[in-house]
Amino acid sequence: MIKTFYKPLGLLFGALDGVVAGAVFKRLWALLGHGGEASQATDEDRSWTEVLTAAALQGAVFALVKAAVDRSGALDTSRLTGTWPD
């Protein structure tokens, strides 16, 4: 029963955390003084350092936001149902 309840919410939260993580990353990238779009691996005019820094920061932000959203969803589900979702 819990999995049936939690699965659709997990999909919704998965989409939401991608949007939130993208916004957080863009804000951090701008705060670091790199305004505009983050460096892509195929940007010819960007250095290795800038490209790899952007990738590492983006990965860290996405992982952090995903973990926070997943943990919050599991905690809320546990509070509502009395059972921790698997």
N, C-alpha and C. Protein backbone atom coordinates (compact mmCIF):
# COMPACT_ATOMS: atom_id res chain seq x y z
N MET A 1 0.82 -1.20 0.00
CA MET A 1 0.00 0.00 0.00
C MET A 1 0.86 1.27 0.00
N ILE A 2 1.90 1.26 0.82
CA ILE A 2 2.76 2.44 0.91
C ILE A 2 3.46 2.70 -0.42
N LYS A 3 3.94 1.65 -1.07
CA LYS A 3 4.62 1.82 -2.35
C LYS A 3 3.68 2.40 -3.40
N THR A 4 2.43 2.00 -3.38
CA THR A 4 1.44 2.51 -4.32
C THR A 4 1.23 4.01 -4.10
N PHE A 5 1.24 4.43 -2.86
CA PHE A 5 1.07 5.83 -2.50
C PHE A 5 2.33 6.64 -2.81
N TYR A 6 3.47 6.07 -2.50
CA TYR A 6 4.73 6.79 -2.57
C TYR A 6 5.28 6.92 -3.99
N LYS A 7 5.05 5.92 -4.83
CA LYS A 7 5.62 5.89 -6.19
C LYS A 7 5.22 7.11 -7.04
N PRO A 8 3.94 7.45 -7.15
CA PRO A 8 3.58 8.62 -7.96
C PRO A 8 4.14 9.92 -7.39
N LEU A 9 4.17 10.00 -6.06
CA LEU A 9 4.74 11.19 -5.45
C LEU A 9 6.23 11.27 -5.72
N GLY A 10 6.91 10.13 -5.71
CA GLY A 10 8.33 10.10 -6.01
C GLY A 10 8.63 10.59 -7.42
N LEU A 11 7.78 10.23 -8.36
CA LEU A 11 7.95 10.71 -9.74
C LEU A 11 7.74 12.22 -9.83
N LEU A 12 6.74 12.70 -9.14
CA LEU A 12 6.47 14.14 -9.12
C LEU A 12 7.62 14.90 -8.48
N PHE A 13 8.08 14.40 -7.34
CA PHE A 13 9.20 15.05 -6.66
C PHE A 13 10.48 14.96 -7.47
N GLY A 14 10.65 13.89 -8.23
CA GLY A 14 11.81 13.75 -9.10
C GLY A 14 11.87 14.84 -10.15
N ALA A 15 10.73 15.15 -10.72
CA ALA A 15 10.66 16.24 -11.70
C ALA A 15 10.89 17.58 -11.02
N LEU A 16 10.32 17.74 -9.85
CA LEU A 16 10.46 18.99 -9.11
C LEU A 16 11.91 19.22 -8.69
N ASP A 17 12.58 18.17 -8.22
CA ASP A 17 13.95 18.39 -7.75
C ASP A 17 14.90 18.75 -8.90
N GLY A 18 14.61 18.28 -10.11
CA GLY A 18 15.41 18.68 -11.26
C GLY A 18 15.27 20.16 -11.57
N VAL A 19 14.07 20.66 -11.47
CA VAL A 19 13.81 22.08 -11.72
C VAL A 19 14.48 22.94 -10.64
N VAL A 20 14.31 22.53 -9.38
CA VAL A 20 14.91 23.28 -8.27
C VAL A 20 16.43 23.25 -8.37
N ALA A 21 17.00 22.09 -8.62
CA ALA A 21 18.45 21.96 -8.72
C ALA A 21 19.01 22.82 -9.85
N GLY A 22 18.31 22.85 -10.98
CA GLY A 22 18.75 23.68 -12.10
C GLY A 22 18.78 25.16 -11.73
N ALA A 23 17.76 25.61 -11.02
CA ALA A 23 17.68 27.00 -10.60
C ALA A 23 18.78 27.33 -9.59
N VAL A 24 19.00 26.43 -8.64
CA VAL A 24 20.04 26.64 -7.63
C VAL A 24 21.41 26.70 -8.30
N PHE A 25 21.66 25.78 -9.22
CA PHE A 25 22.95 25.76 -9.91
C PHE A 25 23.17 27.05 -10.69
N LYS A 26 22.18 27.51 -11.43
CA LYS A 26 22.32 28.74 -12.21
C LYS A 26 22.64 29.93 -11.30
N ARG A 27 21.98 29.96 -10.15
CA ARG A 27 22.22 31.05 -9.19
C ARG A 27 23.65 30.97 -8.64
N LEU A 28 24.10 29.78 -8.26
CA LEU A 28 25.46 29.62 -7.76
C LEU A 28 26.49 29.98 -8.83
N TRP A 29 26.25 29.55 -10.04
CA TRP A 29 27.17 29.83 -11.14
C TRP A 29 27.29 31.34 -11.35
N ALA A 30 26.19 32.05 -11.27
CA ALA A 30 26.20 33.50 -11.41
C ALA A 30 26.92 34.15 -10.22
N LEU A 31 26.68 33.65 -9.02
CA LEU A 31 27.34 34.19 -7.83
C LEU A 31 28.86 34.01 -7.88
N LEU A 32 29.31 32.96 -8.54
CA LEU A 32 30.74 32.71 -8.68
C LEU A 32 31.37 33.59 -9.76
N GLY A 33 30.54 34.46 -10.36
CA GLY A 33 31.05 35.41 -11.33
C GLY A 33 31.12 34.90 -12.75
N HIS A 34 30.40 33.83 -13.04
CA HIS A 34 30.42 33.26 -14.38
C HIS A 34 29.17 33.59 -15.17
N GLY A 35 28.36 34.53 -14.74
CA GLY A 35 27.12 34.91 -15.38
C GLY A 35 26.76 34.15 -16.65
N GLY A 36 25.53 34.12 -16.97
CA GLY A 36 25.07 33.42 -18.16
C GLY A 36 25.03 31.92 -17.96
N GLU A 37 25.10 31.21 -19.06
CA GLU A 37 25.02 29.75 -19.03
C GLU A 37 26.32 29.13 -18.56
N ALA A 38 26.20 27.99 -17.93
CA ALA A 38 27.38 27.25 -17.48
C ALA A 38 28.14 26.69 -18.67
N SER A 39 29.40 26.47 -18.46
CA SER A 39 30.25 25.91 -19.51
C SER A 39 29.82 24.49 -19.84
N GLN A 40 29.77 24.19 -21.12
CA GLN A 40 29.48 22.84 -21.60
C GLN A 40 30.80 22.19 -22.01
N ALA A 41 30.84 20.89 -21.98
CA ALA A 41 32.06 20.17 -22.32
C ALA A 41 32.53 20.45 -23.75
N THR A 42 31.63 20.80 -24.62
CA THR A 42 31.99 21.05 -26.02
C THR A 42 32.20 22.52 -26.36
N ASP A 43 32.18 23.40 -25.34
CA ASP A 43 32.44 24.82 -25.59
C ASP A 43 33.92 25.01 -25.93
N GLU A 44 34.19 25.37 -27.16
CA GLU A 44 35.56 25.49 -27.64
C GLU A 44 36.35 26.59 -26.93
N ASP A 45 35.66 27.66 -26.56
CA ASP A 45 36.35 28.80 -25.97
C ASP A 45 36.45 28.74 -24.44
N ARG A 46 36.09 27.63 -23.83
CA ARG A 46 36.18 27.47 -22.37
C ARG A 46 37.37 26.59 -22.01
N SER A 47 37.98 26.89 -20.87
CA SER A 47 39.13 26.10 -20.43
C SER A 47 38.67 24.79 -19.78
N TRP A 48 39.60 23.86 -19.69
CA TRP A 48 39.32 22.59 -19.00
C TRP A 48 38.87 22.86 -17.57
N THR A 49 39.54 23.78 -16.91
CA THR A 49 39.21 24.08 -15.52
C THR A 49 37.77 24.57 -15.38
N GLU A 50 37.38 25.47 -16.25
CA GLU A 50 36.02 26.01 -16.17
C GLU A 50 34.97 24.94 -16.47
N VAL A 51 35.22 24.14 -17.48
CA VAL A 51 34.27 23.08 -17.85
C VAL A 51 34.13 22.05 -16.74
N LEU A 52 35.25 21.61 -16.18
CA LEU A 52 35.20 20.59 -15.12
C LEU A 52 34.65 21.15 -13.81
N THR A 53 34.93 22.41 -13.52
CA THR A 53 34.36 23.05 -12.33
C THR A 53 32.84 23.14 -12.45
N ALA A 54 32.36 23.53 -13.62
CA ALA A 54 30.91 23.61 -13.84
C ALA A 54 30.26 22.24 -13.68
N ALA A 55 30.89 21.22 -14.24
CA ALA A 55 30.33 19.87 -14.15
C ALA A 55 30.30 19.36 -12.71
N ALA A 56 31.38 19.60 -11.97
CA ALA A 56 31.45 19.14 -10.58
C ALA A 56 30.43 19.87 -9.71
N LEU A 57 30.31 21.18 -9.89
CA LEU A 57 29.35 21.94 -9.11
C LEU A 57 27.92 21.53 -9.45
N GLN A 58 27.65 21.35 -10.72
CA GLN A 58 26.31 20.94 -11.13
C GLN A 58 25.96 19.57 -10.56
N GLY A 59 26.88 18.64 -10.61
CA GLY A 59 26.63 17.31 -10.06
C GLY A 59 26.39 17.35 -8.56
N ALA A 60 27.18 18.15 -7.86
CA ALA A 60 27.02 18.26 -6.40
C ALA A 60 25.67 18.88 -6.05
N VAL A 61 25.29 19.92 -6.76
CA VAL A 61 24.00 20.58 -6.48
C VAL A 61 22.84 19.62 -6.76
N PHE A 62 22.88 18.93 -7.88
CA PHE A 62 21.80 18.00 -8.21
C PHE A 62 21.69 16.87 -7.19
N ALA A 63 22.83 16.34 -6.76
CA ALA A 63 22.82 15.26 -5.76
C ALA A 63 22.29 15.76 -4.43
N LEU A 64 22.69 16.95 -4.03
CA LEU A 64 22.23 17.52 -2.76
C LEU A 64 20.73 17.76 -2.77
N VAL A 65 20.23 18.39 -3.82
CA VAL A 65 18.80 18.67 -3.91
C VAL A 65 18.00 17.37 -3.99
N LYS A 66 18.46 16.41 -4.77
CA LYS A 66 17.75 15.12 -4.88
C LYS A 66 17.67 14.43 -3.52
N ALA A 67 18.78 14.40 -2.80
CA ALA A 67 18.79 13.77 -1.48
C ALA A 67 17.85 14.48 -0.52
N ALA A 68 17.84 15.80 -0.54
CA ALA A 68 16.97 16.57 0.35
C ALA A 68 15.50 16.33 0.03
N VAL A 69 15.15 16.32 -1.25
CA VAL A 69 13.76 16.11 -1.65
C VAL A 69 13.33 14.67 -1.35
N ASP A 70 14.18 13.69 -1.67
CA ASP A 70 13.85 12.29 -1.40
C ASP A 70 13.67 12.05 0.10
N ARG A 71 14.59 12.59 0.89
CA ARG A 71 14.52 12.39 2.34
C ARG A 71 13.26 13.05 2.91
N SER A 72 12.97 14.24 2.45
CA SER A 72 11.78 14.95 2.91
C SER A 72 10.51 14.19 2.54
N GLY A 73 10.46 13.66 1.32
CA GLY A 73 9.29 12.88 0.89
C GLY A 73 9.12 11.62 1.71
N ALA A 74 10.22 10.94 2.00
CA ALA A 74 10.15 9.72 2.82
C ALA A 74 9.71 10.05 4.24
N LEU A 75 10.22 11.13 4.78
CA LEU A 75 9.84 11.53 6.13
C LEU A 75 8.36 11.91 6.20
N ASP A 76 7.90 12.66 5.22
CA ASP A 76 6.48 13.04 5.19
C ASP A 76 5.58 11.81 5.02
N THR A 77 5.99 10.89 4.18
CA THR A 77 5.23 9.65 3.99
C THR A 77 5.17 8.87 5.30
N SER A 78 6.28 8.81 5.98
CA SER A 78 6.33 8.10 7.27
C SER A 78 5.41 8.75 8.30
N ARG A 79 5.39 10.06 8.31
CA ARG A 79 4.51 10.78 9.25
C ARG A 79 3.04 10.53 8.94
N LEU A 80 2.71 10.50 7.64
CA LEU A 80 1.31 10.28 7.24
C LEU A 80 0.83 8.85 7.43
N THR A 81 1.72 7.90 7.17
CA THR A 81 1.31 6.49 7.16
C THR A 81 1.81 5.69 8.34
N GLY A 82 2.84 6.19 9.02
CA GLY A 82 3.43 5.43 10.11
C GLY A 82 4.43 4.40 9.66
N THR A 83 4.71 4.33 8.36
CA THR A 83 5.64 3.34 7.80
C THR A 83 6.64 4.07 6.90
N TRP A 84 7.91 3.71 7.06
CA TRP A 84 8.95 4.29 6.21
C TRP A 84 8.90 3.62 4.83
N PRO A 85 8.85 4.41 3.75
CA PRO A 85 8.79 3.81 2.41
C PRO A 85 10.13 3.19 2.04
N ASP A 86 10.08 2.11 1.26
CA ASP A 86 11.30 1.44 0.81
C ASP A 86 11.67 1.88 -0.57
